[in-house]
C-alpha atoms as a PDB file:
ATOM      1  CA  UNK A   1      22.298  36.647  19.895  1.00  0.00           C
ATOM      2  CA  UNK A   2      23.949  33.791  17.903  1.00  0.00           C
ATOM      3  CA  UNK A   3      22.399  33.006  14.541  1.00  0.00           C
ATOM      4  CA  UNK A   4      24.357  29.852  13.667  1.00  0.00           C
ATOM      5  CA  UNK A   5      21.287  27.623  13.926  1.00  0.00           C
ATOM      6  CA  UNK A   6      19.216  29.894  11.700  1.00  0.00           C
ATOM      7  CA  UNK A   7      22.023  30.034   9.155  1.00  0.00           C
ATOM      8  CA  UNK A   8      22.231  26.237   9.133  1.00  0.00           C
ATOM      9  CA  UNK A   9      18.454  25.965   8.732  1.00  0.00           C
ATOM     10  CA  UNK A  10      18.477  28.434   5.833  1.00  0.00           C
ATOM     11  CA  UNK A  11      21.259  26.461   4.126  1.00  0.00           C
ATOM     12  CA  UNK A  12      19.304  23.228   4.544  1.00  0.00           C
ATOM     13  CA  UNK A  13      16.190  24.896   3.160  1.00  0.00           C
ATOM     14  CA  UNK A  14      18.148  26.002   0.096  1.00  0.00           C
ATOM     15  CA  UNK A  15      19.439  22.451  -0.385  1.00  0.00           C
ATOM     16  CA  UNK A  16      15.910  21.064  -0.147  1.00  0.00           C
ATOM     17  CA  UNK A  17      14.525  23.529  -2.694  1.00  0.00           C
ATOM     18  CA  UNK A  18      17.414  22.776  -5.047  1.00  0.00           C
ATOM     19  CA  UNK A  19      16.721  19.039  -4.833  1.00  0.00           C
ATOM     20  CA  UNK A  20      12.985  19.284  -5.482  1.00  0.00           C
ATOM     21  CA  UNK A  21      13.751  21.855  -8.240  1.00  0.00           C
ATOM     22  CA  UNK A  22      10.117  22.746  -8.867  1.00  0.00           C
ATOM     23  CA  UNK A  23       9.032  19.096  -9.099  1.00  0.00           C
ATOM     24  CA  UNK A  24       6.735  19.553  -6.107  1.00  0.00           C
ATOM     25  CA  UNK A  25       5.504  22.561  -4.169  1.00  0.00           C
ATOM     26  CA  UNK A  26       7.708  22.829  -1.059  1.00  0.00           C
ATOM     27  CA  UNK A  27       5.838  22.294   2.214  1.00  0.00           C
ATOM     28  CA  UNK A  28       6.959  22.252   5.824  1.00  0.00           C
ATOM     29  CA  UNK A  29       5.823  18.643   6.178  1.00  0.00           C
ATOM     30  CA  UNK A  30       7.786  17.443   3.143  1.00  0.00           C
ATOM     31  CA  UNK A  31      10.828  19.438   4.285  1.00  0.00           C
ATOM     32  CA  UNK A  32      10.650  17.772   7.704  1.00  0.00           C
ATOM     33  CA  UNK A  33      10.677  14.304   6.107  1.00  0.00           C
ATOM     34  CA  UNK A  34      13.579  15.327   3.844  1.00  0.00           C
ATOM     35  CA  UNK A  35      15.486  16.756   6.806  1.00  0.00           C
ATOM     36  CA  UNK A  36      14.937  13.596   8.833  1.00  0.00           C
ATOM     37  CA  UNK A  37      16.485  11.511   6.053  1.00  0.00           C
ATOM     38  CA  UNK A  38      19.289  14.018   5.563  1.00  0.00           C
ATOM     39  CA  UNK A  39      20.377  14.099   9.176  1.00  0.00           C
ATOM     40  CA  UNK A  40      19.833  10.551  10.444  1.00  0.00           C
ATOM     41  CA  UNK A  41      22.893   8.356  10.620  1.00  0.00           C
ATOM     42  CA  UNK A  42      23.689   6.095   7.712  1.00  0.00           C
ATOM     43  CA  UNK A  43      22.575   2.485   8.219  1.00  0.00           C
ATOM     44  CA  UNK A  44      25.150  -0.274   7.969  1.00  0.00           C
ATOM     45  CA  UNK A  45      25.677  -1.659   4.502  1.00  0.00           C
ATOM     46  CA  UNK A  46      23.093  -4.195   3.356  1.00  0.00           C
ATOM     47  CA  UNK A  47      24.801  -7.015   1.486  1.00  0.00           C
ATOM     48  CA  UNK A  48      21.703  -7.559  -0.626  1.00  0.00           C
ATOM     49  CA  UNK A  49      21.710  -3.951  -1.805  1.00  0.00           C
ATOM     50  CA  UNK A  50      25.457  -3.377  -2.245  1.00  0.00           C
ATOM     51  CA  UNK A  51      27.716  -0.918  -0.478  1.00  0.00           C
ATOM     52  CA  UNK A  52      27.662   2.058  -2.831  1.00  0.00           C
ATOM     53  CA  UNK A  53      25.180   4.834  -1.890  1.00  0.00           C
ATOM     54  CA  UNK A  54      22.498   5.492  -4.477  1.00  0.00           C
ATOM     55  CA  UNK A  55      23.639   9.105  -4.769  1.00  0.00           C
ATOM     56  CA  UNK A  56      26.907   7.869  -6.272  1.00  0.00           C
ATOM     57  CA  UNK A  57      25.343   5.484  -8.781  1.00  0.00           C
ATOM     58  CA  UNK A  58      24.821   6.853 -12.262  1.00  0.00           C
ATOM     59  CA  UNK A  59      22.647   4.162 -13.760  1.00  0.00           C
ATOM     60  CA  UNK A  60      19.554   5.697 -15.282  1.00  0.00           C
ATOM     61  CA  UNK A  61      16.415   4.688 -13.383  1.00  0.00           C
ATOM     62  CA  UNK A  62      18.235   2.427 -10.897  1.00  0.00           C
ATOM     63  CA  UNK A  63      16.537   3.960  -7.863  1.00  0.00           C
ATOM     64  CA  UNK A  64      13.067   3.686  -9.432  1.00  0.00           C
ATOM     65  CA  UNK A  65      13.757   0.105 -10.502  1.00  0.00           C
ATOM     66  CA  UNK A  66      14.955  -0.879  -7.035  1.00  0.00           C
ATOM     67  CA  UNK A  67      11.892   0.701  -5.416  1.00  0.00           C
ATOM     68  CA  UNK A  68       9.559  -1.179  -7.775  1.00  0.00           C
ATOM     69  CA  UNK A  69      11.324  -4.490  -7.134  1.00  0.00           C
ATOM     70  CA  UNK A  70      11.282  -4.015  -3.365  1.00  0.00           C
ATOM     71  CA  UNK A  71       7.577  -3.115  -3.328  1.00  0.00           C
ATOM     72  CA  UNK A  72       6.826  -6.341  -5.217  1.00  0.00           C
ATOM     73  CA  UNK A  73       9.082  -8.268  -2.828  1.00  0.00           C
ATOM     74  CA  UNK A  74       7.202  -6.859   0.176  1.00  0.00           C
ATOM     75  CA  UNK A  75       3.915  -8.073  -1.306  1.00  0.00           C
ATOM     76  CA  UNK A  76       5.383 -11.537  -1.774  1.00  0.00           C
ATOM     77  CA  UNK A  77       6.721 -11.658   1.778  1.00  0.00           C
ATOM     78  CA  UNK A  78       3.320 -10.573   3.114  1.00  0.00           C
ATOM     79  CA  UNK A  79       1.604 -13.217   1.000  1.00  0.00           C
ATOM     80  CA  UNK A  80       3.776 -15.960   2.525  1.00  0.00           C
ATOM     81  CA  UNK A  81       3.011 -14.810   6.088  1.00  0.00           C
ATOM     82  CA  UNK A  82      -0.691 -14.409   5.288  1.00  0.00           C
ATOM     83  CA  UNK A  83      -0.872 -17.935   3.909  1.00  0.00           C
ATOM     84  CA  UNK A  84       0.254 -19.207   7.314  1.00  0.00           C
ATOM     85  CA  UNK A  85      -2.441 -17.128   9.034  1.00  0.00           C
ATOM     86  CA  UNK A  86      -5.126 -18.531   6.725  1.00  0.00           C
ATOM     87  CA  UNK A  87      -4.237 -22.200   7.293  1.00  0.00           C
ATOM     88  CA  UNK A  88      -7.211 -24.369   8.295  1.00  0.00           C
ATOM     89  CA  UNK A  89      -9.697 -21.807   6.945  1.00  0.00           C
ATOM     90  CA  UNK A  90     -11.739 -21.883   3.724  1.00  0.00           C
ATOM     91  CA  UNK A  91      -9.810 -18.839   2.447  1.00  0.00           C
ATOM     92  CA  UNK A  92      -7.202 -19.542  -0.209  1.00  0.00           C
ATOM     93  CA  UNK A  93      -5.592 -16.117  -0.512  1.00  0.00           C
ATOM     94  CA  UNK A  94      -5.120 -12.870   1.405  1.00  0.00           C
ATOM     95  CA  UNK A  95      -7.243 -11.227  -1.312  1.00  0.00           C
ATOM     96  CA  UNK A  96     -10.272 -13.171  -0.137  1.00  0.00           C
ATOM     97  CA  UNK A  97      -9.616 -11.940   3.389  1.00  0.00           C
ATOM     98  CA  UNK A  98      -9.388  -8.390   2.015  1.00  0.00           C
ATOM     99  CA  UNK A  99     -12.784  -8.672   0.325  1.00  0.00           C
ATOM    100  CA  UNK A 100     -14.404  -9.873   3.537  1.00  0.00           C
ATOM    101  CA  UNK A 101     -12.756  -7.088   5.553  1.00  0.00           C
ATOM    102  CA  UNK A 102     -13.963  -4.518   3.006  1.00  0.00           C
ATOM    103  CA  UNK A 103     -17.545  -5.763   3.318  1.00  0.00           C
ATOM    104  CA  UNK A 104     -17.277  -5.566   7.103  1.00  0.00           C
ATOM    105  CA  UNK A 105     -16.469  -1.859   6.669  1.00  0.00           C
ATOM    106  CA  UNK A 106     -18.989  -0.981   3.958  1.00  0.00           C
ATOM    107  CA  UNK A 107     -21.833  -3.364   4.866  1.00  0.00           C
ATOM    108  CA  UNK A 108     -22.962  -4.073   1.281  1.00  0.00           C
ATOM    109  CA  UNK A 109     -21.521  -3.109  -2.090  1.00  0.00           C
ATOM    110  CA  UNK A 110     -22.025  -3.680  -5.777  1.00  0.00           C
ATOM    111  CA  UNK A 111     -19.673  -6.351  -7.048  1.00  0.00           C
ATOM    112  CA  UNK A 112     -17.864  -3.803  -9.209  1.00  0.00           C
ATOM    113  CA  UNK A 113     -17.455  -1.461  -6.220  1.00  0.00           C
ATOM    114  CA  UNK A 114     -16.013  -4.243  -4.077  1.00  0.00           C
ATOM    115  CA  UNK A 115     -13.544  -5.161  -6.815  1.00  0.00           C
ATOM    116  CA  UNK A 116     -12.475  -1.546  -7.345  1.00  0.00           C
ATOM    117  CA  UNK A 117     -11.874  -0.963  -3.629  1.00  0.00           C
ATOM    118  CA  UNK A 118      -9.499  -3.933  -3.628  1.00  0.00           C
ATOM    119  CA  UNK A 119      -7.604  -2.710  -6.712  1.00  0.00           C
ATOM    120  CA  UNK A 120      -8.357  -5.687  -8.937  1.00  0.00           C
ATOM    121  CA  UNK A 121      -9.339  -6.152 -12.545  1.00  0.00           C
ATOM    122  CA  UNK A 122     -12.940  -7.322 -12.999  1.00  0.00           C
ATOM    123  CA  UNK A 123     -12.226 -10.971 -14.038  1.00  0.00           C
ATOM    124  CA  UNK A 124      -9.933 -11.517 -11.038  1.00  0.00           C
ATOM    125  CA  UNK A 125     -12.399  -9.885  -8.662  1.00  0.00           C
ATOM    126  CA  UNK A 126     -15.317 -11.932  -9.953  1.00  0.00           C
ATOM    127  CA  UNK A 127     -13.399 -15.156  -9.316  1.00  0.00           C
ATOM    128  CA  UNK A 128     -12.701 -14.100  -5.735  1.00  0.00           C
ATOM    129  CA  UNK A 129     -16.354 -13.196  -5.147  1.00  0.00           C
ATOM    130  CA  UNK A 130     -17.402 -16.528  -6.695  1.00  0.00           C
ATOM    131  CA  UNK A 131     -15.232 -18.464  -4.215  1.00  0.00           C
ATOM    132  CA  UNK A 132     -16.597 -16.463  -1.263  1.00  0.00           C
ATOM    133  CA  UNK A 133     -20.175 -17.197  -2.398  1.00  0.00           C
ATOM    134  CA  UNK A 134     -19.397 -20.900  -2.838  1.00  0.00           C
ATOM    135  CA  UNK A 135     -18.008 -21.031   0.702  1.00  0.00           C
ATOM    136  CA  UNK A 136     -21.137 -19.354   2.059  1.00  0.00           C
ATOM    137  CA  UNK A 137     -19.226 -16.394   3.512  1.00  0.00           C
ATOM    138  CA  UNK A 138     -21.162 -13.659   1.686  1.00  0.00           C
ATOM    139  CA  UNK A 139     -24.684 -13.271   0.356  1.00  0.00           C
ATOM    140  CA  UNK A 140     -25.722 -11.937  -3.027  1.00  0.00           C
ATOM    141  CA  UNK A 141     -28.946 -10.095  -3.836  1.00  0.00           C
ATOM    142  CA  UNK A 142     -30.467  -7.786  -6.444  1.00  0.00           C
ATOM    143  CA  UNK A 143     -29.810  -4.062  -6.401  1.00  0.00           C
ATOM    144  CA  UNK A 144     -33.276  -2.468  -6.304  1.00  0.00           C
ATOM    145  CA  UNK A 145     -31.911   0.804  -7.715  1.00  0.00           C
ATOM    146  CA  UNK A 146     -30.019  -0.857 -10.563  1.00  0.00           C
ATOM    147  CA  UNK A 147     -31.519  -4.104 -11.834  1.00  0.00           C
ATOM    148  CA  UNK A 148     -28.380  -4.826 -13.890  1.00  0.00           C
ATOM    149  CA  UNK A 149     -26.195  -5.008 -10.790  1.00  0.00           C
ATOM    150  CA  UNK A 150     -25.822  -7.420  -7.919  1.00  0.00           C
ATOM    151  CA  UNK A 151     -25.032  -6.465  -4.331  1.00  0.00           C
ATOM    152  CA  UNK A 152     -22.978  -8.603  -1.979  1.00  0.00           C
ATOM    153  CA  UNK A 153     -22.976  -8.538   1.808  1.00  0.00           C
ATOM    154  CA  UNK A 154     -21.002 -10.227   4.563  1.00  0.00           C
ATOM    155  CA  UNK A 155     -23.137 -12.781   6.413  1.00  0.00           C
ATOM    156  CA  UNK A 156     -22.820 -14.157   9.944  1.00  0.00           C
ATOM    157  CA  UNK A 157     -20.613 -17.044   8.832  1.00  0.00           C
ATOM    158  CA  UNK A 158     -18.255 -14.618   7.089  1.00  0.00           C
ATOM    159  CA  UNK A 159     -18.140 -12.325  10.120  1.00  0.00           C
ATOM    160  CA  UNK A 160     -17.356 -15.224  12.426  1.00  0.00           C
ATOM    161  CA  UNK A 161     -14.502 -16.314  10.174  1.00  0.00           C
ATOM    162  CA  UNK A 162     -13.129 -12.774   9.980  1.00  0.00           C
ATOM    163  CA  UNK A 163     -13.140 -12.283  13.733  1.00  0.00           C
ATOM    164  CA  UNK A 164     -11.367 -15.616  14.206  1.00  0.00           C
ATOM    165  CA  UNK A 165      -8.577 -14.555  11.813  1.00  0.00           C
ATOM    166  CA  UNK A 166      -8.033 -10.927  12.884  1.00  0.00           C
ATOM    167  CA  UNK A 167      -5.559 -11.844  15.617  1.00  0.00           C
ATOM    168  CA  UNK A 168      -3.308 -13.829  13.278  1.00  0.00           C
ATOM    169  CA  UNK A 169      -3.518 -11.188  10.553  1.00  0.00           C
ATOM    170  CA  UNK A 170      -2.484  -8.610  13.150  1.00  0.00           C
ATOM    171  CA  UNK A 171       0.643 -10.680  13.768  1.00  0.00           C
ATOM    172  CA  UNK A 172       1.251 -10.704  10.013  1.00  0.00           C
ATOM    173  CA  UNK A 173       1.195  -6.899  10.035  1.00  0.00           C
ATOM    174  CA  UNK A 174       3.730  -6.830  12.854  1.00  0.00           C
ATOM    175  CA  UNK A 175       6.049  -9.172  10.962  1.00  0.00           C
ATOM    176  CA  UNK A 176       5.691  -7.236   7.699  1.00  0.00           C
ATOM    177  CA  UNK A 177       6.788  -3.966   9.333  1.00  0.00           C
ATOM    178  CA  UNK A 178       9.844  -5.833  10.589  1.00  0.00           C
ATOM    179  CA  UNK A 179      12.419  -4.022  12.693  1.00  0.00           C
ATOM    180  CA  UNK A 180      11.377  -0.487  11.745  1.00  0.00           C
ATOM    181  CA  UNK A 181      11.305   2.001  14.601  1.00  0.00           C
ATOM    182  CA  UNK A 182       8.075   3.923  15.273  1.00  0.00           C
ATOM    183  CA  UNK A 183       9.328   7.087  13.565  1.00  0.00           C
ATOM    184  CA  UNK A 184      10.393   5.027  10.544  1.00  0.00           C
ATOM    185  CA  UNK A 185       6.937   3.446  10.333  1.00  0.00           C
ATOM    186  CA  UNK A 186       5.333   6.898  10.394  1.00  0.00           C
ATOM    187  CA  UNK A 187       7.678   8.078   7.668  1.00  0.00           C
ATOM    188  CA  UNK A 188       7.053   4.992   5.524  1.00  0.00           C
ATOM    189  CA  UNK A 189       3.294   5.363   5.961  1.00  0.00           C
ATOM    190  CA  UNK A 190       3.505   8.960   4.755  1.00  0.00           C
ATOM    191  CA  UNK A 191       5.345   7.944   1.576  1.00  0.00           C
ATOM    192  CA  UNK A 192       3.062   4.968   0.895  1.00  0.00           C
ATOM    193  CA  UNK A 193      -0.060   7.120   1.263  1.00  0.00           C
ATOM    194  CA  UNK A 194       1.439   9.654  -1.138  1.00  0.00           C
ATOM    195  CA  UNK A 195       2.139   6.901  -3.672  1.00  0.00           C
ATOM    196  CA  UNK A 196      -1.315   5.404  -3.154  1.00  0.00           C
ATOM    197  CA  UNK A 197      -3.000   8.737  -3.945  1.00  0.00           C
ATOM    198  CA  UNK A 198      -0.972   8.995  -7.151  1.00  0.00           C
ATOM    199  CA  UNK A 199      -1.751   5.473  -8.353  1.00  0.00           C
ATOM    200  CA  UNK A 200      -5.374   5.432  -7.185  1.00  0.00           C
ATOM    201  CA  UNK A 201      -6.102   8.365  -9.499  1.00  0.00           C
ATOM    202  CA  UNK A 202      -4.604   6.433 -12.415  1.00  0.00           C
ATOM    203  CA  UNK A 203      -6.444   3.219 -11.528  1.00  0.00           C
ATOM    204  CA  UNK A 204      -9.751   5.065 -11.203  1.00  0.00           C
ATOM    205  CA  UNK A 205      -9.510   7.421 -14.171  1.00  0.00           C
ATOM    206  CA  UNK A 206      -6.709   6.480 -16.553  1.00  0.00           C
ATOM    207  CA  UNK A 207      -5.973   2.761 -16.331  1.00  0.00           C
ATOM    208  CA  UNK A 208      -6.965   2.242 -19.991  1.00  0.00           C
ATOM    209  CA  UNK A 209      -4.261   4.637 -21.146  1.00  0.00           C
ATOM    210  CA  UNK A 210      -1.143   3.240 -22.826  1.00  0.00           C
ATOM    211  CA  UNK A 211       1.996   2.929 -20.708  1.00  0.00           C
ATOM    212  CA  UNK A 212       3.815   5.743 -22.513  1.00  0.00           C
ATOM    213  CA  UNK A 213       0.973   8.118 -21.744  1.00  0.00           C
ATOM    214  CA  UNK A 214       0.950   7.199 -18.040  1.00  0.00           C
ATOM    215  CA  UNK A 215       4.691   7.722 -17.816  1.00  0.00           C
END
């Protein structure tokens, strides 16, 4: 019985463990993602990114810097597309749409809860809620269990607006994911969820810490 495949798999496993080097606990799922990246053909050079592979660039935190820049760029692209989808509506930003969509999911929330679920600082979140109240898209009422807090809820006008926008926002999502193949979307989603878990813990529990401590 030939064992060439098993030998190759063992060699790849050793390479994977050497690369993670104790940084994470090796899992079959993570190894599969690593193997997919290792074995898929190299994409053609992107003139915006340069021709030299990252593995050959010795420039400190270049990879981390590029990732951070590209994540910010993706947000900006999405904001441009979303602005087109929100034309001729009372909504000024995609954040306002996000608040309405969150209330559709959770029915009613404390203002602070709504802000936290949309990953905003309190002053920014309060301004968004204020605009939604002024446009009559949400209702505000006292929290019977906590007299110091106010609850907000999506009303019929807000629901009607949301339902009228969903189709266009769906097109925005399609544009944002660009020309990625289905397996690439699944892979990207896995990495983004992993990053989101990491940062959500910081935002929820440690956002007051100094930058050096977070790093």
